[in-house]
Protein backbone atom coordinates (compact mmCIF):
# COMPACT_ATOMS: atom_id res chain seq x y z
CA LEU A 1 10.99 34.63 -33.35
CA MET A 2 7.67 32.96 -33.96
CA GLY A 3 8.99 29.59 -32.79
CA GLU A 4 10.84 30.90 -29.77
CA GLY A 5 8.18 33.32 -28.63
CA LEU A 6 8.86 35.28 -25.47
CA SER A 7 11.74 33.03 -24.41
CA PHE A 8 13.89 34.75 -27.06
CA ILE A 9 13.66 38.03 -25.17
CA GLN A 10 14.87 36.41 -21.96
CA LEU A 11 17.69 34.63 -23.78
CA TRP A 12 18.74 37.94 -25.36
CA LYS A 13 18.79 39.62 -21.93
CA ASP A 14 20.81 36.74 -20.49
CA ALA A 15 23.39 37.08 -23.27
CA LEU A 16 23.82 40.86 -22.97
CA PRO A 17 25.98 40.87 -19.79
CA ASN A 18 28.59 38.77 -21.62
CA SER A 19 28.67 40.80 -24.86
CA SER A 20 27.34 43.99 -26.41
CA THR A 21 24.21 44.28 -28.53
CA TYR A 22 26.45 44.97 -31.53
CA GLU A 23 28.38 41.70 -31.00
CA LEU A 24 25.15 39.70 -30.64
CA VAL A 25 23.62 41.19 -33.79
CA LYS A 26 26.89 40.68 -35.67
CA GLY A 27 27.01 37.05 -34.54
CA LEU A 28 23.40 36.46 -35.61
CA VAL A 29 23.99 38.03 -39.03
CA ILE A 30 27.19 36.05 -39.62
CA SER A 31 25.51 32.83 -38.47
CA GLY A 32 22.56 33.48 -40.77
CA LEU A 33 24.87 34.28 -43.68
CA PHE A 34 26.81 31.04 -43.25
CA HIS A 35 23.57 29.05 -42.96
CA TYR A 36 22.31 30.64 -46.17
CA LEU A 37 25.61 29.95 -47.97
CA ASN A 38 25.53 26.33 -46.78
CA ASN A 39 22.06 25.91 -48.28
CA GLU A 40 23.18 27.52 -51.56
CA VAL A 41 26.16 25.18 -51.82
CA MET A 42 23.91 22.19 -51.10
CA TYR A 43 21.54 23.18 -53.92
CA LEU A 44 24.46 23.68 -56.30
CA ALA A 45 25.90 20.31 -55.28
CA LEU A 46 22.52 18.62 -55.68
CA SER A 47 22.37 19.74 -59.29
CA ASN A 48 25.78 18.14 -59.96
CA VAL A 49 25.73 14.88 -57.98
CA HIS A 50 23.28 12.09 -57.22
CA PRO A 51 21.10 12.75 -54.14
CA VAL A 52 22.43 9.61 -52.42
CA THR A 53 26.00 10.82 -52.90
CA LEU A 54 25.05 14.16 -51.39
CA ALA A 55 23.39 12.44 -48.42
CA VAL A 56 26.49 10.32 -47.86
CA GLY A 57 28.65 13.45 -48.01
CA ASN A 58 26.37 15.15 -45.50
CA THR A 59 26.69 12.15 -43.16
CA MET A 60 30.46 12.29 -43.54
CA LYS A 61 30.39 16.00 -42.72
CA ARG A 62 28.53 15.31 -39.47
CA VAL A 63 30.98 12.58 -38.48
CA PHE A 64 33.88 14.92 -39.27
CA ILE A 65 32.39 17.63 -37.05
CA VAL A 66 32.08 15.17 -34.14
CA VAL A 67 35.65 13.95 -34.58
CA ALA A 68 37.00 17.50 -34.98
CA SER A 69 35.24 18.66 -31.81
CA VAL A 70 36.74 15.74 -29.91
CA VAL A 71 40.24 16.52 -31.18
CA VAL A 72 40.19 20.33 -31.10
CA PHE A 73 38.01 21.05 -28.07
CA ARG A 74 38.86 17.85 -26.16
CA THR A 75 35.16 17.14 -25.86
CA PRO A 76 34.54 13.79 -24.20
CA ILE A 77 32.71 11.43 -26.52
CA THR A 78 29.97 9.12 -25.31
CA VAL A 79 29.76 5.48 -26.30
CA GLN A 80 26.59 6.27 -28.23
CA ALA A 81 28.36 9.03 -30.22
CA ALA A 82 31.33 6.73 -30.92
CA ILE A 83 29.01 3.99 -32.18
CA GLY A 84 27.10 6.50 -34.30
CA SER A 85 30.31 7.82 -35.83
CA ALA A 86 31.53 4.29 -36.52
CA VAL A 87 28.21 3.41 -38.20
CA GLY A 88 28.43 6.61 -40.26
CA LEU A 89 32.00 5.89 -41.37
CA GLY A 90 31.13 2.25 -42.09
CA GLY A 91 28.14 3.31 -44.17
CA VAL A 92 30.23 5.76 -46.18
CA LEU A 93 32.84 3.06 -46.76
CA LEU A 94 30.23 0.50 -47.87
CA TYR A 95 28.58 3.03 -50.17
CA SER A 96 31.91 3.99 -51.74
CA LEU A 97 32.96 0.36 -52.27
CA THR A 98 29.55 -0.59 -53.69
CA LYS A 99 29.50 2.40 -56.03
CA GLN A 100 33.04 1.62 -57.20
CA TYR A 101 32.10 -2.04 -57.79
CA TYR A 102 29.05 -1.21 -59.91
CA GLU A 103 30.90 1.46 -61.90
CA GLU A 104 33.60 -1.12 -62.70
CA LEU A 105 30.91 -3.67 -63.60
CA GLU A 106 29.23 -1.21 -65.99
CA LYS A 107 32.60 -0.36 -67.55
CA ASN A 108 33.36 -4.07 -68.14
CA GLN A 109 29.91 -4.71 -69.66
CA ALA A 110 30.30 -1.76 -72.01
CA ALA A 111 33.68 -3.04 -73.23
């Protein structure tokens, strides 16, 4: 509320004709719960994987969301979004191949 200020009140009033106060509060609580759970999972994951791996996974998640919205909701995709998704997928691929290469190199040096 501090960031939104008085505009939150107007947005709340604009949303009320389309749904009840109960539905809006329920939606806010569920949204907040899922955001909290997402943060908890990220902290748990961070304690088990390398931060770069987590960042790559987060990038992959964002690309997946864009692709899923295009497929499920038939959202038109801009050229900029397509290029961004391609760069994200390419980066994940390069990271995976590089990581695999160096793991194999370490395994061969240890043997």
